[in-house]
Amino acid sequence: MQLLTSPASPFARKCRVVLLEIEQDDVELRDVSASPMGGEAALNAANPSGKIPALIRPDGPTLYDSRVICRFLDMRAGARLYPEARLWEVLSLEANADAIMEAAVAITYEKRLRPEDLWWPDWFEAQWTKIARSLDALGERSMPLLRGPLNMAQIAVGCALGYLDLRHGDRDWRAGRDTLAEWEAGFAARPSMQATRPG
């Protein structure tokens, strides 16, 4: 199998962290270029939307969307990152983390791909408001799940927070969120997170 990925993508990082955590070393990592303006041909052939990650399988159709790929890898390894007893909590929190990533990536692309005189500050703030609300909810409602045994929600949240540091460090997401910041510091020290940290 081959995972199409990119070092800076928080969605691809989720999959790479999972591979390390479940010790699946038979998946080849292949860095590709992705952009909403059109990525490289190999990626577009694997995933018609041109988004990463994509998991090319020799014995079945290519899988795309990080949630689909992570669920597949977990089931394949029997790793139980989606524990049945807390399945809906884990899935919902993973979706919340992905929403943080989506808003943060949208801001990044807007600034990277549009001329500065066409930036829309109100739109940037609307995206950041989504992120801030989600971060507040994590600290207020989700700490028991984040502090429990390793699960997919933790990996997704860790990758989302790492992306905020990478692309939006000037926003200081930690301000006023000491509990979440403390959790992140501990989770970011995991070998899988260190090994996948974007340079």
C-alpha atoms as a PDB file:
ATOM      1  CA  MET A   1       0.000   0.000   0.000  1.00  0.00           C
ATOM      2  CA  GLN A   2       1.043   3.553  -0.605  1.00  0.00           C
ATOM      3  CA  LEU A   3      -0.044   6.626   1.371  1.00  0.00           C
ATOM      4  CA  LEU A   4       0.011   9.866  -0.581  1.00  0.00           C
ATOM      5  CA  THR A   5       0.908  12.514   1.957  1.00  0.00           C
ATOM      6  CA  SER A   6       2.573  15.865   2.566  1.00  0.00           C
ATOM      7  CA  PRO A   7       4.700  16.898   5.557  1.00  0.00           C
ATOM      8  CA  ALA A   8       2.662  20.002   6.439  1.00  0.00           C
ATOM      9  CA  SER A   9      -0.846  18.550   6.019  1.00  0.00           C
ATOM     10  CA  PRO A  10      -2.536  17.938   9.387  1.00  0.00           C
ATOM     11  CA  PHE A  11      -4.900  15.447   7.736  1.00  0.00           C
ATOM     12  CA  ALA A  12      -2.031  13.409   6.323  1.00  0.00           C
ATOM     13  CA  ARG A  13      -0.221  13.681   9.645  1.00  0.00           C
ATOM     14  CA  LYS A  14      -3.139  11.940  11.350  1.00  0.00           C
ATOM     15  CA  CYS A  15      -2.590   8.916   9.129  1.00  0.00           C
ATOM     16  CA  ARG A  16       1.166   8.941   9.641  1.00  0.00           C
ATOM     17  CA  VAL A  17       0.734   9.088  13.420  1.00  0.00           C
ATOM     18  CA  VAL A  18      -1.694   6.173  13.277  1.00  0.00           C
ATOM     19  CA  LEU A  19       0.771   4.107  11.254  1.00  0.00           C
ATOM     20  CA  LEU A  20       3.441   4.675  13.886  1.00  0.00           C
ATOM     21  CA  GLU A  21       1.139   4.047  16.827  1.00  0.00           C
ATOM     22  CA  ILE A  22      -0.176   0.770  15.432  1.00  0.00           C
ATOM     23  CA  GLU A  23       3.274  -0.227  14.138  1.00  0.00           C
ATOM     24  CA  GLN A  24       2.238  -0.821  10.551  1.00  0.00           C
ATOM     25  CA  ASP A  25       5.433  -0.522   8.526  1.00  0.00           C
ATOM     26  CA  ASP A  26       4.182  -2.046   5.274  1.00  0.00           C
ATOM     27  CA  VAL A  27       2.690   1.224   4.016  1.00  0.00           C
ATOM     28  CA  GLU A  28       4.978   3.273   1.773  1.00  0.00           C
ATOM     29  CA  LEU A  29       4.807   7.041   2.301  1.00  0.00           C
ATOM     30  CA  ARG A  30       4.913   9.156  -0.849  1.00  0.00           C
ATOM     31  CA  ASP A  31       5.037  12.942  -0.591  1.00  0.00           C
ATOM     32  CA  VAL A  32       2.961  14.698  -3.241  1.00  0.00           C
ATOM     33  CA  SER A  33       1.972  18.264  -3.993  1.00  0.00           C
ATOM     34  CA  ALA A  34      -1.647  19.243  -3.332  1.00  0.00           C
ATOM     35  CA  SER A  35      -3.366  22.566  -3.912  1.00  0.00           C
ATOM     36  CA  PRO A  36      -6.952  23.759  -4.324  1.00  0.00           C
ATOM     37  CA  MET A  37      -5.694  25.226  -7.613  1.00  0.00           C
ATOM     38  CA  GLY A  38      -4.670  21.751  -8.782  1.00  0.00           C
ATOM     39  CA  GLY A  39      -2.204  19.213  -7.431  1.00  0.00           C
ATOM     40  CA  GLU A  40       0.079  16.795  -9.192  1.00  0.00           C
ATOM     41  CA  ALA A  41      -1.299  14.225 -11.601  1.00  0.00           C
ATOM     42  CA  ALA A  42      -0.595  11.173  -9.427  1.00  0.00           C
ATOM     43  CA  LEU A  43      -2.704  12.609  -6.615  1.00  0.00           C
ATOM     44  CA  ASN A  44      -5.544  13.644  -8.905  1.00  0.00           C
ATOM     45  CA  ALA A  45      -5.571  10.146 -10.401  1.00  0.00           C
ATOM     46  CA  ALA A  46      -5.786   8.558  -6.954  1.00  0.00           C
ATOM     47  CA  ASN A  47      -8.328  10.991  -5.505  1.00  0.00           C
ATOM     48  CA  PRO A  48     -10.510  12.913  -7.975  1.00  0.00           C
ATOM     49  CA  SER A  49     -10.831  15.812  -5.499  1.00  0.00           C
ATOM     50  CA  GLY A  50      -7.042  16.209  -5.507  1.00  0.00           C
ATOM     51  CA  LYS A  51      -6.879  16.156  -1.712  1.00  0.00           C
ATOM     52  CA  ILE A  52      -4.451  14.382   0.579  1.00  0.00           C
ATOM     53  CA  PRO A  53      -4.171  11.923   2.132  1.00  0.00           C
ATOM     54  CA  ALA A  54      -5.042   9.057  -0.191  1.00  0.00           C
ATOM     55  CA  LEU A  55      -4.293   5.396   0.479  1.00  0.00           C
ATOM     56  CA  ILE A  56      -3.610   3.365  -2.652  1.00  0.00           C
ATOM     57  CA  ARG A  57      -4.351  -0.316  -2.077  1.00  0.00           C
ATOM     58  CA  PRO A  58      -3.300  -3.194  -4.343  1.00  0.00           C
ATOM     59  CA  ASP A  59      -6.391  -5.219  -3.532  1.00  0.00           C
ATOM     60  CA  GLY A  60      -9.125  -2.594  -3.528  1.00  0.00           C
ATOM     61  CA  PRO A  61     -10.073   0.936  -4.502  1.00  0.00           C
ATOM     62  CA  THR A  62      -8.072   3.877  -3.219  1.00  0.00           C
ATOM     63  CA  LEU A  63      -9.302   5.270   0.092  1.00  0.00           C
ATOM     64  CA  TYR A  64      -9.435   8.985   0.751  1.00  0.00           C
ATOM     65  CA  ASP A  65     -10.412  11.327   3.557  1.00  0.00           C
ATOM     66  CA  SER A  66      -8.265  10.983   6.653  1.00  0.00           C
ATOM     67  CA  ARG A  67     -11.162   9.683   8.758  1.00  0.00           C
ATOM     68  CA  VAL A  68     -11.797   6.855   6.311  1.00  0.00           C
ATOM     69  CA  ILE A  69      -8.113   5.970   6.056  1.00  0.00           C
ATOM     70  CA  CYS A  70      -7.507   6.047   9.815  1.00  0.00           C
ATOM     71  CA  ARG A  71     -10.546   3.881  10.454  1.00  0.00           C
ATOM     72  CA  PHE A  72      -9.359   1.391   7.830  1.00  0.00           C
ATOM     73  CA  LEU A  73      -5.833   1.241   9.251  1.00  0.00           C
ATOM     74  CA  ASP A  74      -7.182   0.787  12.764  1.00  0.00           C
ATOM     75  CA  MET A  75      -9.504  -2.059  11.747  1.00  0.00           C
ATOM     76  CA  ARG A  76      -6.747  -3.685   9.697  1.00  0.00           C
ATOM     77  CA  ALA A  77      -4.444  -3.764  12.726  1.00  0.00           C
ATOM     78  CA  GLY A  78      -7.120  -4.427  15.350  1.00  0.00           C
ATOM     79  CA  ALA A  79      -5.685  -1.484  17.263  1.00  0.00           C
ATOM     80  CA  ARG A  80      -8.936  -0.241  18.870  1.00  0.00           C
ATOM     81  CA  LEU A  81      -8.288   3.455  18.379  1.00  0.00           C
ATOM     82  CA  TYR A  82     -12.068   3.642  17.947  1.00  0.00           C
ATOM     83  CA  PRO A  83     -13.221   1.866  21.142  1.00  0.00           C
ATOM     84  CA  GLU A  84     -16.751   0.540  20.789  1.00  0.00           C
ATOM     85  CA  ALA A  85     -17.796   1.734  24.250  1.00  0.00           C
ATOM     86  CA  ARG A  86     -17.002   5.365  23.359  1.00  0.00           C
ATOM     87  CA  LEU A  87     -17.289   5.198  19.587  1.00  0.00           C
ATOM     88  CA  TRP A  88     -19.633   8.131  19.067  1.00  0.00           C
ATOM     89  CA  GLU A  89     -17.653  10.378  21.392  1.00  0.00           C
ATOM     90  CA  VAL A  90     -14.421   9.519  19.604  1.00  0.00           C
ATOM     91  CA  LEU A  91     -15.921  10.017  16.141  1.00  0.00           C
ATOM     92  CA  SER A  92     -17.510  13.336  17.132  1.00  0.00           C
ATOM     93  CA  LEU A  93     -14.316  14.640  18.673  1.00  0.00           C
ATOM     94  CA  GLU A  94     -12.310  13.537  15.640  1.00  0.00           C
ATOM     95  CA  ALA A  95     -14.803  15.445  13.467  1.00  0.00           C
ATOM     96  CA  ASN A  96     -14.390  18.502  15.705  1.00  0.00           C
ATOM     97  CA  ALA A  97     -10.612  18.325  15.335  1.00  0.00           C
ATOM     98  CA  ASP A  98     -10.967  17.979  11.566  1.00  0.00           C
ATOM     99  CA  ALA A  99     -13.195  21.078  11.524  1.00  0.00           C
ATOM    100  CA  ILE A 100     -10.412  23.008  13.278  1.00  0.00           C
ATOM    101  CA  MET A 101      -7.996  21.793  10.607  1.00  0.00           C
ATOM    102  CA  GLU A 102     -10.378  22.703   7.775  1.00  0.00           C
ATOM    103  CA  ALA A 103     -10.837  26.274   9.019  1.00  0.00           C
ATOM    104  CA  ALA A 104      -7.114  26.702   9.672  1.00  0.00           C
ATOM    105  CA  VAL A 105      -6.158  25.316   6.248  1.00  0.00           C
ATOM    106  CA  ALA A 106      -8.758  27.597   4.615  1.00  0.00           C
ATOM    107  CA  ILE A 107      -7.118  30.659   6.179  1.00  0.00           C
ATOM    108  CA  THR A 108      -3.694  29.428   5.082  1.00  0.00           C
ATOM    109  CA  TYR A 109      -4.768  28.871   1.481  1.00  0.00           C
ATOM    110  CA  GLU A 110      -6.572  32.198   1.299  1.00  0.00           C
ATOM    111  CA  LYS A 111      -3.429  34.057   2.339  1.00  0.00           C
ATOM    112  CA  ARG A 112      -1.158  31.949   0.150  1.00  0.00           C
ATOM    113  CA  LEU A 113      -3.193  31.933  -3.052  1.00  0.00           C
ATOM    114  CA  ARG A 114      -4.975  35.305  -3.165  1.00  0.00           C
ATOM    115  CA  PRO A 115      -3.322  38.694  -3.552  1.00  0.00           C
ATOM    116  CA  GLU A 116      -3.220  40.596  -0.274  1.00  0.00           C
ATOM    117  CA  ASP A 117      -5.439  43.383  -1.602  1.00  0.00           C
ATOM    118  CA  LEU A 118      -8.186  40.783  -2.116  1.00  0.00           C
ATOM    119  CA  TRP A 119      -8.035  39.325   1.395  1.00  0.00           C
ATOM    120  CA  TRP A 120     -11.289  39.522   3.331  1.00  0.00           C
ATOM    121  CA  PRO A 121     -10.482  40.123   7.034  1.00  0.00           C
ATOM    122  CA  ASP A 122     -14.028  39.399   8.190  1.00  0.00           C
ATOM    123  CA  TRP A 123     -13.833  35.979   6.565  1.00  0.00           C
ATOM    124  CA  PHE A 124     -10.509  35.255   8.311  1.00  0.00           C
ATOM    125  CA  GLU A 125     -12.074  36.190  11.633  1.00  0.00           C
ATOM    126  CA  ALA A 126     -15.130  34.038  10.953  1.00  0.00           C
ATOM    127  CA  GLN A 127     -12.866  31.024  10.357  1.00  0.00           C
ATOM    128  CA  TRP A 128     -10.879  31.765  13.496  1.00  0.00           C
ATOM    129  CA  THR A 129     -14.116  32.101  15.486  1.00  0.00           C
ATOM    130  CA  LYS A 130     -14.989  28.518  14.480  1.00  0.00           C
ATOM    131  CA  ILE A 131     -11.559  27.413  15.660  1.00  0.00           C
ATOM    132  CA  ALA A 132     -11.805  29.329  18.952  1.00  0.00           C
ATOM    133  CA  ARG A 133     -15.261  27.913  19.722  1.00  0.00           C
ATOM    134  CA  SER A 134     -14.005  24.406  19.044  1.00  0.00           C
ATOM    135  CA  LEU A 135     -10.922  24.911  21.232  1.00  0.00           C
ATOM    136  CA  ASP A 136     -13.079  26.204  24.069  1.00  0.00           C
ATOM    137  CA  ALA A 137     -15.377  23.191  23.743  1.00  0.00           C
ATOM    138  CA  LEU A 138     -12.382  20.844  23.891  1.00  0.00           C
ATOM    139  CA  GLY A 139     -11.229  22.351  27.163  1.00  0.00           C
ATOM    140  CA  GLU A 140     -14.696  22.467  28.680  1.00  0.00           C
ATOM    141  CA  ARG A 141     -16.172  19.129  27.569  1.00  0.00           C
ATOM    142  CA  SER A 142     -13.577  16.766  26.180  1.00  0.00           C
ATOM    143  CA  MET A 143     -10.724  16.477  28.665  1.00  0.00           C
ATOM    144  CA  PRO A 144     -11.874  13.104  30.118  1.00  0.00           C
ATOM    145  CA  LEU A 145     -11.687  11.542  26.637  1.00  0.00           C
ATOM    146  CA  LEU A 146      -8.432  13.303  25.814  1.00  0.00           C
ATOM    147  CA  ARG A 147      -6.848  12.100  29.039  1.00  0.00           C
ATOM    148  CA  GLY A 148      -7.999   8.488  28.669  1.00  0.00           C
ATOM    149  CA  PRO A 149      -6.378   5.576  26.845  1.00  0.00           C
ATOM    150  CA  LEU A 150      -5.032   6.412  23.392  1.00  0.00           C
ATOM    151  CA  ASN A 151      -7.802   6.864  20.853  1.00  0.00           C
ATOM    152  CA  MET A 152      -8.287   8.454  17.453  1.00  0.00           C
ATOM    153  CA  ALA A 153      -9.782  11.634  18.866  1.00  0.00           C
ATOM    154  CA  GLN A 154      -6.564  12.354  20.737  1.00  0.00           C
ATOM    155  CA  ILE A 155      -4.490  11.899  17.585  1.00  0.00           C
ATOM    156  CA  ALA A 156      -6.785  14.183  15.593  1.00  0.00           C
ATOM    157  CA  VAL A 157      -6.769  16.904  18.256  1.00  0.00           C
ATOM    158  CA  GLY A 158      -2.990  16.675  18.631  1.00  0.00           C
ATOM    159  CA  CYS A 159      -2.545  17.118  14.878  1.00  0.00           C
ATOM    160  CA  ALA A 160      -5.007  20.006  14.753  1.00  0.00           C
ATOM    161  CA  LEU A 161      -3.225  21.868  17.536  1.00  0.00           C
ATOM    162  CA  GLY A 162       0.132  21.192  15.922  1.00  0.00           C
ATOM    163  CA  TYR A 163      -1.125  22.745  12.694  1.00  0.00           C
ATOM    164  CA  LEU A 164      -2.280  25.846  14.546  1.00  0.00           C
ATOM    165  CA  ASP A 165       1.243  26.208  15.898  1.00  0.00           C
ATOM    166  CA  LEU A 166       2.726  25.682  12.440  1.00  0.00           C
ATOM    167  CA  ARG A 167       0.579  28.115  10.461  1.00  0.00           C
ATOM    168  CA  HIS A 168      -1.151  30.372  13.007  1.00  0.00           C
ATOM    169  CA  GLY A 169       1.253  30.725  15.896  1.00  0.00           C
ATOM    170  CA  ASP A 170       0.581  34.469  16.053  1.00  0.00           C
ATOM    171  CA  ARG A 171      -2.991  33.699  17.187  1.00  0.00           C
ATOM    172  CA  ASP A 172      -1.728  32.061  20.419  1.00  0.00           C
ATOM    173  CA  TRP A 173      -4.445  29.440  20.781  1.00  0.00           C
ATOM    174  CA  ARG A 174      -3.111  28.551  24.253  1.00  0.00           C
ATOM    175  CA  ALA A 175      -4.097  31.907  25.784  1.00  0.00           C
ATOM    176  CA  GLY A 176      -6.824  31.272  28.360  1.00  0.00           C
ATOM    177  CA  ARG A 177      -6.799  27.539  27.671  1.00  0.00           C
ATOM    178  CA  ASP A 178      -4.303  26.255  30.216  1.00  0.00           C
ATOM    179  CA  THR A 179      -5.876  22.819  30.600  1.00  0.00           C
ATOM    180  CA  LEU A 180      -5.862  22.103  26.877  1.00  0.00           C
ATOM    181  CA  ALA A 181      -2.361  23.559  26.505  1.00  0.00           C
ATOM    182  CA  GLU A 182      -1.074  21.279  29.277  1.00  0.00           C
ATOM    183  CA  TRP A 183      -2.627  18.247  27.617  1.00  0.00           C
ATOM    184  CA  GLU A 184      -1.145  19.219  24.239  1.00  0.00           C
ATOM    185  CA  ALA A 185       2.346  19.562  25.682  1.00  0.00           C
ATOM    186  CA  GLY A 186       2.195  16.016  26.999  1.00  0.00           C
ATOM    187  CA  PHE A 187       0.653  14.517  23.882  1.00  0.00           C
ATOM    188  CA  ALA A 188       3.070  16.320  21.550  1.00  0.00           C
ATOM    189  CA  ALA A 189       5.935  14.555  23.323  1.00  0.00           C
ATOM    190  CA  ARG A 190       4.782  11.141  22.111  1.00  0.00           C
ATOM    191  CA  PRO A 191       7.347   9.560  19.751  1.00  0.00           C
ATOM    192  CA  SER A 192       4.756   9.349  16.955  1.00  0.00           C
ATOM    193  CA  MET A 193       4.036  13.060  17.228  1.00  0.00           C
ATOM    194  CA  GLN A 194       7.697  13.975  17.384  1.00  0.00           C
ATOM    195  CA  ALA A 195       8.478  11.822  14.338  1.00  0.00           C
ATOM    196  CA  THR A 196       5.745  13.469  12.254  1.00  0.00           C
ATOM    197  CA  ARG A 197       6.266  17.039  13.387  1.00  0.00           C
ATOM    198  CA  PRO A 198       6.467  19.294  10.331  1.00  0.00           C
ATOM    199  CA  GLY A 199       9.817  21.034   9.980  1.00  0.00           C
END
